Structure formats: C-alpha cells, structure tokens
PDB file of all heavy atoms in Angstrom:
ATOM      1  N   ALA A   1     -52.353  26.438-221.730  1.00  0.00           N
ATOM      2  CA  ALA A   1     -51.408  27.511-222.026  1.00  0.00           C
ATOM      3  C   ALA A   1     -51.475  28.644-220.997  1.00  0.00           C
ATOM      4  O   ALA A   1     -50.725  29.619-221.117  1.00  0.00           O
ATOM      5  CB  ALA A   1     -51.679  28.057-223.432  1.00  0.00           C
ATOM      6  N   GLY A   2     -52.371  28.524-220.022  1.00  0.00           N
ATOM      7  CA  GLY A   2     -52.480  29.547-219.001  1.00  0.00           C
ATOM      8  C   GLY A   2     -53.145  30.823-219.496  1.00  0.00           C
ATOM      9  O   GLY A   2     -52.849  31.910-219.005  1.00  0.00           O
ATOM     10  N   LYS A   3     -54.031  30.705-220.465  1.00  0.00           N
ATOM     11  CA  LYS A   3     -54.658  31.885-221.072  1.00  0.00           C
ATOM     12  C   LYS A   3     -55.917  32.339-220.328  1.00  0.00           C
ATOM     13  O   LYS A   3     -56.934  32.640-220.930  1.00  0.00           O
ATOM     14  CB  LYS A   3     -54.984  31.616-222.528  1.00  0.00           C
ATOM     15  CG  LYS A   3     -53.736  31.449-223.371  1.00  0.00           C
ATOM     16  CD  LYS A   3     -54.050  31.387-224.831  1.00  0.00           C
ATOM     17  CE  LYS A   3     -52.750  31.330-225.613  1.00  0.00           C
ATOM     18  NZ  LYS A   3     -52.961  31.119-227.009  1.00  0.00           N
ATOM     19  N   ASN A   4     -55.831  32.386-219.013  1.00  0.00           N
ATOM     20  CA  ASN A   4     -56.886  32.952-218.177  1.00  0.00           C
ATOM     21  C   ASN A   4     -58.236  32.256-218.363  1.00  0.00           C
ATOM     22  O   ASN A   4     -59.280  32.901-218.382  1.00  0.00           O
ATOM     23  CB  ASN A   4     -57.011  34.463-218.431  1.00  0.00           C
ATOM     24  CG  ASN A   4     -57.658  35.177-217.262  1.00  0.00           C
ATOM     25  OD1 ASN A   4     -57.593  34.696-216.135  1.00  0.00           O
ATOM     26  ND2 ASN A   4     -58.263  36.309-217.524  1.00  0.00           N
ATOM     27  N   VAL A   5     -58.233  30.941-218.517  1.00  0.00           N
ATOM     28  CA  VAL A   5     -59.465  30.160-218.550  1.00  0.00           C
ATOM     29  C   VAL A   5     -59.709  29.677-217.126  1.00  0.00           C
ATOM     30  O   VAL A   5     -58.858  29.012-216.546  1.00  0.00           O
ATOM     31  CB  VAL A   5     -59.360  28.956-219.507  1.00  0.00           C
ATOM     32  CG1 VAL A   5     -60.621  28.115-219.453  1.00  0.00           C
ATOM     33  CG2 VAL A   5     -59.068  29.422-220.922  1.00  0.00           C
ATOM     34  N   PRO A   6     -60.844  30.022-216.533  1.00  0.00           N
ATOM     35  CA  PRO A   6     -61.082  29.608-215.146  1.00  0.00           C
ATOM     36  C   PRO A   6     -61.162  28.091-215.012  1.00  0.00           C
ATOM     37  O   PRO A   6     -61.526  27.383-215.955  1.00  0.00           O
ATOM     38  CB  PRO A   6     -62.406  30.274-214.789  1.00  0.00           C
ATOM     39  CG  PRO A   6     -63.034  30.675-216.062  1.00  0.00           C
ATOM     40  CD  PRO A   6     -61.959  30.780-217.089  1.00  0.00           C
ATOM     41  N   ASP A   7     -60.842  27.607-213.813  1.00  0.00           N
ATOM     42  CA  ASP A   7     -60.947  26.171-213.552  1.00  0.00           C
ATOM     43  C   ASP A   7     -62.393  25.687-213.630  1.00  0.00           C
ATOM     44  O   ASP A   7     -62.643  24.532-213.967  1.00  0.00           O
ATOM     45  CB  ASP A   7     -60.379  25.822-212.187  1.00  0.00           C
ATOM     46  CG  ASP A   7     -58.872  25.662-212.204  1.00  0.00           C
ATOM     47  OD1 ASP A   7     -58.253  25.814-213.282  1.00  0.00           O
ATOM     48  OD2 ASP A   7     -58.302  25.378-211.136  1.00  0.00           O
ATOM     49  N   GLU A   8     -63.320  26.550-213.306  1.00  0.00           N
ATOM     50  CA  GLU A   8     -64.739  26.219-213.405  1.00  0.00           C
ATOM     51  C   GLU A   8     -65.395  27.164-214.406  1.00  0.00           C
ATOM     52  O   GLU A   8     -65.632  28.333-214.109  1.00  0.00           O
ATOM     53  CB  GLU A   8     -65.418  26.337-212.051  1.00  0.00           C
ATOM     54  CG  GLU A   8     -64.885  25.334-211.049  1.00  0.00           C
ATOM     55  CD  GLU A   8     -65.503  25.488-209.674  1.00  0.00           C
ATOM     56  OE1 GLU A   8     -66.362  26.379-209.481  1.00  0.00           O
ATOM     57  OE2 GLU A   8     -65.110  24.733-208.799  1.00  0.00           O
ATOM     58  N   LEU A   9     -65.641  26.658-215.580  1.00  0.00           N
ATOM     59  CA  LEU A   9     -66.296  27.423-216.630  1.00  0.00           C
ATOM     60  C   LEU A   9     -67.678  26.790-216.801  1.00  0.00           C
ATOM     61  O   LEU A   9     -67.809  25.704-217.365  1.00  0.00           O
ATOM     62  CB  LEU A   9     -65.489  27.352-217.917  1.00  0.00           C
ATOM     63  CG  LEU A   9     -65.930  28.234-219.069  1.00  0.00           C
ATOM     64  CD1 LEU A   9     -65.957  29.697-218.661  1.00  0.00           C
ATOM     65  CD2 LEU A   9     -64.997  28.042-220.250  1.00  0.00           C
ATOM     66  N   LEU A  10     -68.698  27.471-216.266  1.00  0.00           N
ATOM     67  CA  LEU A  10     -70.013  26.857-216.130  1.00  0.00           C
ATOM     68  C   LEU A  10     -71.065  27.530-216.998  1.00  0.00           C
ATOM     69  O   LEU A  10     -71.086  28.751-217.150  1.00  0.00           O
ATOM     70  CB  LEU A  10     -70.459  26.921-214.664  1.00  0.00           C
ATOM     71  CG  LEU A  10     -69.469  26.371-213.645  1.00  0.00           C
ATOM     72  CD1 LEU A  10     -69.987  26.599-212.234  1.00  0.00           C
ATOM     73  CD2 LEU A  10     -69.189  24.894-213.889  1.00  0.00           C
ATOM     74  N   ASN A  11     -71.940  26.685-217.555  1.00  0.00           N
ATOM     75  CA  ASN A  11     -73.156  27.123-218.213  1.00  0.00           C
ATOM     76  C   ASN A  11     -72.907  28.048-219.409  1.00  0.00           C
ATOM     77  O   ASN A  11     -73.622  29.020-219.614  1.00  0.00           O
ATOM     78  CB  ASN A  11     -74.088  27.803-217.192  1.00  0.00           C
ATOM     79  CG  ASN A  11     -75.526  27.788-217.633  1.00  0.00           C
ATOM     80  OD1 ASN A  11     -75.981  26.867-218.298  1.00  0.00           O
ATOM     81  ND2 ASN A  11     -76.254  28.822-217.278  1.00  0.00           N
ATOM     82  N   TYR A  12     -71.895  27.748-220.203  1.00  0.00           N
ATOM     83  CA  TYR A  12     -71.655  28.550-221.407  1.00  0.00           C
ATOM     84  C   TYR A  12     -72.338  27.893-222.602  1.00  0.00           C
ATOM     85  O   TYR A  12     -72.637  26.698-222.595  1.00  0.00           O
ATOM     86  CB  TYR A  12     -70.163  28.765-221.658  1.00  0.00           C
ATOM     87  CG  TYR A  12     -69.343  27.532-221.954  1.00  0.00           C
ATOM     88  CD1 TYR A  12     -69.112  27.127-223.265  1.00  0.00           C
ATOM     89  CD2 TYR A  12     -68.779  26.782-220.925  1.00  0.00           C
ATOM     90  CE1 TYR A  12     -68.354  26.005-223.547  1.00  0.00           C
ATOM     91  CE2 TYR A  12     -68.012  25.667-221.199  1.00  0.00           C
ATOM     92  CZ  TYR A  12     -67.805  25.277-222.505  1.00  0.00           C
ATOM     93  OH  TYR A  12     -67.057  24.162-222.781  1.00  0.00           O
ATOM     94  N   GLU A  13     -72.614  28.690-223.617  1.00  0.00           N
ATOM     95  CA  GLU A  13     -73.289  28.176-224.791  1.00  0.00           C
ATOM     96  C   GLU A  13     -72.279  27.590-225.772  1.00  0.00           C
ATOM     97  O   GLU A  13     -71.231  28.178-226.018  1.00  0.00           O
ATOM     98  CB  GLU A  13     -74.101  29.267-225.486  1.00  0.00           C
ATOM     99  CG  GLU A  13     -74.998  28.701-226.569  1.00  0.00           C
ATOM    100  CD  GLU A  13     -76.072  29.676-227.027  1.00  0.00           C
ATOM    101  OE1 GLU A  13     -76.584  30.430-226.192  1.00  0.00           O
ATOM    102  OE2 GLU A  13     -76.383  29.647-228.225  1.00  0.00           O
ATOM    103  N   GLY A  14     -72.612  26.434-226.295  1.00  0.00           N
ATOM    104  CA  GLY A  14     -71.786  25.778-227.296  1.00  0.00           C
ATOM    105  C   GLY A  14     -72.649  25.350-228.467  1.00  0.00           C
ATOM    106  O   GLY A  14     -73.868  25.528-228.456  1.00  0.00           O
ATOM    107  N   THR A  15     -72.013  24.769-229.458  1.00  0.00           N
ATOM    108  CA  THR A  15     -72.719  24.294-230.643  1.00  0.00           C
ATOM    109  C   THR A  15     -72.203  22.906-230.998  1.00  0.00           C
ATOM    110  O   THR A  15     -70.994  22.686-231.089  1.00  0.00           O
ATOM    111  CB  THR A  15     -72.484  25.243-231.840  1.00  0.00           C
ATOM    112  OG1 THR A  15     -72.833  26.573-231.445  1.00  0.00           O
ATOM    113  CG2 THR A  15     -73.320  24.836-233.029  1.00  0.00           C
ATOM    114  N   ALA A  16     -73.119  21.983-231.211  1.00  0.00           N
ATOM    115  CA  ALA A  16     -72.757  20.635-231.648  1.00  0.00           C
ATOM    116  C   ALA A  16     -72.314  20.689-233.111  1.00  0.00           C
ATOM    117  O   ALA A  16     -72.641  21.639-233.829  1.00  0.00           O
ATOM    118  CB  ALA A  16     -73.953  19.698-231.487  1.00  0.00           C
ATOM    119  N   PRO A  17     -71.576  19.690-233.571  1.00  0.00           N
ATOM    120  CA  PRO A  17     -71.135  19.680-234.971  1.00  0.00           C
ATOM    121  C   PRO A  17     -72.286  19.796-235.971  1.00  0.00           C
ATOM    122  O   PRO A  17     -72.105  20.339-237.062  1.00  0.00           O
ATOM    123  CB  PRO A  17     -70.421  18.330-235.112  1.00  0.00           C
ATOM    124  CG  PRO A  17     -69.958  18.010-233.741  1.00  0.00           C
ATOM    125  CD  PRO A  17     -71.015  18.557-232.823  1.00  0.00           C
ATOM    126  N   ASP A  18     -73.478  19.340-235.598  1.00  0.00           N
ATOM    127  CA  ASP A  18     -74.627  19.427-236.505  1.00  0.00           C
ATOM    128  C   ASP A  18     -75.434  20.715-236.317  1.00  0.00           C
ATOM    129  O   ASP A  18     -76.500  20.876-236.901  1.00  0.00           O
ATOM    130  CB  ASP A  18     -75.533  18.208-236.357  1.00  0.00           C
ATOM    131  CG  ASP A  18     -76.148  18.084-234.968  1.00  0.00           C
ATOM    132  OD1 ASP A  18     -75.964  18.998-234.128  1.00  0.00           O
ATOM    133  OD2 ASP A  18     -76.804  17.059-234.725  1.00  0.00           O
ATOM    134  N   GLY A  19     -74.922  21.645-235.490  1.00  0.00           N
ATOM    135  CA  GLY A  19     -75.553  22.943-235.328  1.00  0.00           C
ATOM    136  C   GLY A  19     -76.478  23.084-234.131  1.00  0.00           C
ATOM    137  O   GLY A  19     -76.957  24.183-233.857  1.00  0.00           O
ATOM    138  N   ARG A  20     -76.759  21.985-233.432  1.00  0.00           N
ATOM    139  CA  ARG A  20     -77.639  22.095-232.260  1.00  0.00           C
ATOM    140  C   ARG A  20     -76.994  22.954-231.178  1.00  0.00           C
ATOM    141  O   ARG A  20     -75.783  22.899-230.982  1.00  0.00           O
ATOM    142  CB  ARG A  20     -77.933  20.712-231.673  1.00  0.00           C
ATOM    143  CG  ARG A  20     -78.826  19.874-232.534  1.00  0.00           C
ATOM    144  CD  ARG A  20     -79.009  18.496-231.952  1.00  0.00           C
ATOM    145  NE  ARG A  20     -77.723  17.793-232.091  1.00  0.00           N
ATOM    146  CZ  ARG A  20     -77.373  16.721-231.406  1.00  0.00           C
ATOM    147  NH1 ARG A  20     -78.195  16.200-230.519  1.00  0.00           N
ATOM    148  NH2 ARG A  20     -76.206  16.139-231.603  1.00  0.00           N
ATOM    149  N   ARG A  21     -77.825  23.746-230.483  1.00  0.00           N
ATOM    150  CA  ARG A  21     -77.351  24.576-229.382  1.00  0.00           C
ATOM    151  C   ARG A  21     -77.128  23.694-228.152  1.00  0.00           C
ATOM    152  O   ARG A  21     -77.929  22.806-227.868  1.00  0.00           O
ATOM    153  CB  ARG A  21     -78.374  25.665-229.047  1.00  0.00           C
ATOM    154  CG  ARG A  21     -78.445  26.744-230.105  1.00  0.00           C
ATOM    155  CD  ARG A  21     -79.435  27.836-229.754  1.00  0.00           C
ATOM    156  NE  ARG A  21     -79.205  28.364-228.427  1.00  0.00           N
ATOM    157  CZ  ARG A  21     -80.176  28.619-227.542  1.00  0.00           C
ATOM    158  NH1 ARG A  21     -81.432  28.410-227.850  1.00  0.00           N
ATOM    159  NH2 ARG A  21     -79.880  29.115-226.347  1.00  0.00           N
ATOM    160  N   LEU A  22     -76.039  23.984-227.441  1.00  0.00           N
ATOM    161  CA  LEU A  22     -75.689  23.228-226.237  1.00  0.00           C
ATOM    162  C   LEU A  22     -75.489  24.163-225.066  1.00  0.00           C
ATOM    163  O   LEU A  22     -75.132  25.322-225.240  1.00  0.00           O
ATOM    164  CB  LEU A  22     -74.380  22.453-226.452  1.00  0.00           C
ATOM    165  CG  LEU A  22     -74.242  21.560-227.674  1.00  0.00           C
ATOM    166  CD1 LEU A  22     -72.837  20.995-227.749  1.00  0.00           C
ATOM    167  CD2 LEU A  22     -75.283  20.459-227.635  1.00  0.00           C
ATOM    168  N   LYS A  23     -75.691  23.650-223.866  1.00  0.00           N
ATOM    169  CA  LYS A  23     -75.222  24.289-222.645  1.00  0.00           C
ATOM    170  C   LYS A  23     -74.069  23.407-222.175  1.00  0.00           C
ATOM    171  O   LYS A  23     -74.193  22.186-222.091  1.00  0.00           O
ATOM    172  CB  LYS A  23     -76.303  24.341-221.565  1.00  0.00           C
ATOM    173  CG  LYS A  23     -77.240  25.483-221.732  1.00  0.00           C
ATOM    174  CD  LYS A  23     -76.529  26.807-221.521  1.00  0.00           C
ATOM    175  CE  LYS A  23     -77.509  27.949-221.579  1.00  0.00           C
ATOM    176  NZ  LYS A  23     -76.907  29.225-221.350  1.00  0.00           N
ATOM    177  N   CYS A  24     -72.940  24.045-221.856  1.00  0.00           N
ATOM    178  CA  CYS A  24     -71.732  23.305-221.547  1.00  0.00           C
ATOM    179  C   CYS A  24     -71.116  23.811-220.243  1.00  0.00           C
ATOM    180  O   CYS A  24     -71.274  24.967-219.880  1.00  0.00           O
ATOM    181  CB  CYS A  24     -70.707  23.477-222.663  1.00  0.00           C
ATOM    182  SG  CYS A  24     -71.335  23.053-224.305  1.00  0.00           S
ATOM    183  N   SER A  25     -70.393  22.922-219.592  1.00  0.00           N
ATOM    184  CA  SER A  25     -69.581  23.281-218.426  1.00  0.00           C
ATOM    185  C   SER A  25     -68.305  22.477-218.491  1.00  0.00           C
ATOM    186  O   SER A  25     -68.298  21.324-218.929  1.00  0.00           O
ATOM    187  CB  SER A  25     -70.324  22.981-217.123  1.00  0.00           C
ATOM    188  OG  SER A  25     -71.446  23.814-216.978  1.00  0.00           O
ATOM    189  N   SER A  26     -67.206  23.088-218.051  1.00  0.00           N
ATOM    190  CA  SER A  26     -65.902  22.437-218.046  1.00  0.00           C
ATOM    191  C   SER A  26     -65.243  22.724-216.693  1.00  0.00           C
ATOM    192  O   SER A  26     -65.129  23.888-216.301  1.00  0.00           O
ATOM    193  CB  SER A  26     -65.032  22.967-219.183  1.00  0.00           C
ATOM    194  OG  SER A  26     -63.730  22.409-219.114  1.00  0.00           O
ATOM    195  N   ILE A  27     -64.825  21.672-216.013  1.00  0.00           N
ATOM    196  CA  ILE A  27     -64.205  21.801-214.704  1.00  0.00           C
ATOM    197  C   ILE A  27     -62.818  21.172-214.760  1.00  0.00           C
ATOM    198  O   ILE A  27     -62.675  19.995-215.094  1.00  0.00           O
ATOM    199  CB  ILE A  27     -65.066  21.122-213.624  1.00  0.00           C
ATOM    200  CG1 ILE A  27     -66.468  21.756-213.621  1.00  0.00           C
ATOM    201  CG2 ILE A  27     -64.396  21.225-212.268  1.00  0.00           C
ATOM    202  CD1 ILE A  27     -67.484  21.009-212.799  1.00  0.00           C
ATOM    203  N   ALA A  28     -61.810  21.976-214.434  1.00  0.00           N
ATOM    204  CA  ALA A  28     -60.430  21.492-214.453  1.00  0.00           C
ATOM    205  C   ALA A  28     -60.206  20.464-213.345  1.00  0.00           C
ATOM    206  O   ALA A  28     -60.822  20.527-212.285  1.00  0.00           O
ATOM    207  CB  ALA A  28     -59.466  22.654-214.286  1.00  0.00           C
ATOM    208  N   ILE A  29     -59.298  19.539-213.615  1.00  0.00           N
ATOM    209  CA  ILE A  29     -58.870  18.542-212.628  1.00  0.00           C
ATOM    210  C   ILE A  29     -57.406  18.821-212.327  1.00  0.00           C
ATOM    211  O   ILE A  29     -56.572  18.858-213.243  1.00  0.00           O
ATOM    212  CB  ILE A  29     -59.041  17.109-213.162  1.00  0.00           C
ATOM    213  CG1 ILE A  29     -60.514  16.851-213.518  1.00  0.00           C
ATOM    214  CG2 ILE A  29     -58.509  16.094-212.163  1.00  0.00           C
ATOM    215  CD1 ILE A  29     -60.737  15.584-214.300  1.00  0.00           C
ATOM    216  N   ARG A  30     -57.104  19.047-211.060  1.00  0.00           N
ATOM    217  CA  ARG A  30     -55.741  19.346-210.621  1.00  0.00           C
ATOM    218  C   ARG A  30     -55.305  18.350-209.560  1.00  0.00           C
ATOM    219  O   ARG A  30     -56.133  17.801-208.836  1.00  0.00           O
ATOM    220  CB  ARG A  30     -55.653  20.762-210.064  1.00  0.00           C
ATOM    221  CG  ARG A  30     -55.900  21.831-211.130  1.00  0.00           C
ATOM    222  CD  ARG A  30     -55.743  23.232-210.580  1.00  0.00           C
ATOM    223  NE  ARG A  30     -55.909  24.226-211.620  1.00  0.00           N
ATOM    224  CZ  ARG A  30     -54.948  24.653-212.426  1.00  0.00           C
ATOM    225  NH1 ARG A  30     -53.719  24.178-212.302  1.00  0.00           N
ATOM    226  NH2 ARG A  30     -55.192  25.548-213.372  1.00  0.00           N
ATOM    227  N   ASP A  31     -53.995  18.144-209.454  1.00  0.00           N
ATOM    228  CA  ASP A  31     -53.473  17.260-208.413  1.00  0.00           C
ATOM    229  C   ASP A  31     -53.200  18.058-207.133  1.00  0.00           C
ATOM    230  O   ASP A  31     -53.498  19.251-207.052  1.00  0.00           O
ATOM    231  CB  ASP A  31     -52.235  16.492-208.905  1.00  0.00           C
ATOM    232  CG  ASP A  31     -51.034  17.383-209.174  1.00  0.00           C
ATOM    233  OD1 ASP A  31     -51.028  18.566-208.771  1.00  0.00           O
ATOM    234  OD2 ASP A  31     -50.073  16.890-209.786  1.00  0.00           O
ATOM    235  N   GLU A  32     -52.605  17.386-206.154  1.00  0.00           N
ATOM    236  CA  GLU A  32     -52.341  18.001-204.856  1.00  0.00           C
ATOM    237  C   GLU A  32     -51.368  19.173-204.942  1.00  0.00           C
ATOM    238  O   GLU A  32     -51.375  20.050-204.091  1.00  0.00           O
ATOM    239  CB  GLU A  32     -51.773  16.959-203.869  1.00  0.00           C
ATOM    240  CG  GLU A  32     -52.725  15.823-203.554  1.00  0.00           C
ATOM    241  CD  GLU A  32     -52.729  14.733-204.621  1.00  0.00           C
ATOM    242  OE1 GLU A  32     -51.798  14.666-205.466  1.00  0.00           O
ATOM    243  OE2 GLU A  32     -53.704  13.959-204.628  1.00  0.00           O
ATOM    244  N   GLN A  33     -50.536  19.221-205.965  1.00  0.00           N
ATOM    245  CA  GLN A  33     -49.593  20.317-206.167  1.00  0.00           C
ATOM    246  C   GLN A  33     -50.174  21.414-207.073  1.00  0.00           C
ATOM    247  O   GLN A  33     -49.460  22.290-207.527  1.00  0.00           O
ATOM    248  CB  GLN A  33     -48.266  19.810-206.761  1.00  0.00           C
ATOM    249  CG  GLN A  33     -47.447  18.972-205.810  1.00  0.00           C
ATOM    250  CD  GLN A  33     -47.985  17.560-205.649  1.00  0.00           C
ATOM    251  OE1 GLN A  33     -48.473  16.958-206.602  1.00  0.00           O
ATOM    252  NE2 GLN A  33     -47.947  17.045-204.432  1.00  0.00           N
ATOM    253  N   ASN A  34     -51.473  21.312-207.346  1.00  0.00           N
ATOM    254  CA  ASN A  34     -52.187  22.269-208.195  1.00  0.00           C
ATOM    255  C   ASN A  34     -51.771  22.204-209.664  1.00  0.00           C
ATOM    256  O   ASN A  34     -52.002  23.134-210.422  1.00  0.00           O
ATOM    257  CB  ASN A  34     -52.060  23.704-207.651  1.00  0.00           C
ATOM    258  CG  ASN A  34     -53.196  24.578-208.118  1.00  0.00           C
ATOM    259  OD1 ASN A  34     -54.332  24.128-208.229  1.00  0.00           O
ATOM    260  ND2 ASN A  34     -52.895  25.834-208.392  1.00  0.00           N
TER     261      ASN A  34
END
C-alpha cells in the first residue's frame, strides 16, 4: 500500500504464534522497473 515500509526492514522483534520471541528481517523483491 506504500505505507512507508522500507525495502530492507532488518532485525526487528517479532512473536511466533506460540509466544516465542523472534528476530525478523524482511527484504523487498523488485523487478527492473522497480
């Protein structure tokens, strides 16, 4: 939706469905036209 989420969102804290703490990273995949 273009809500200012960076293409590289690294080392953020997440939570597994069972409550375990996670370290997470998400990297966008773009084509040649961005």
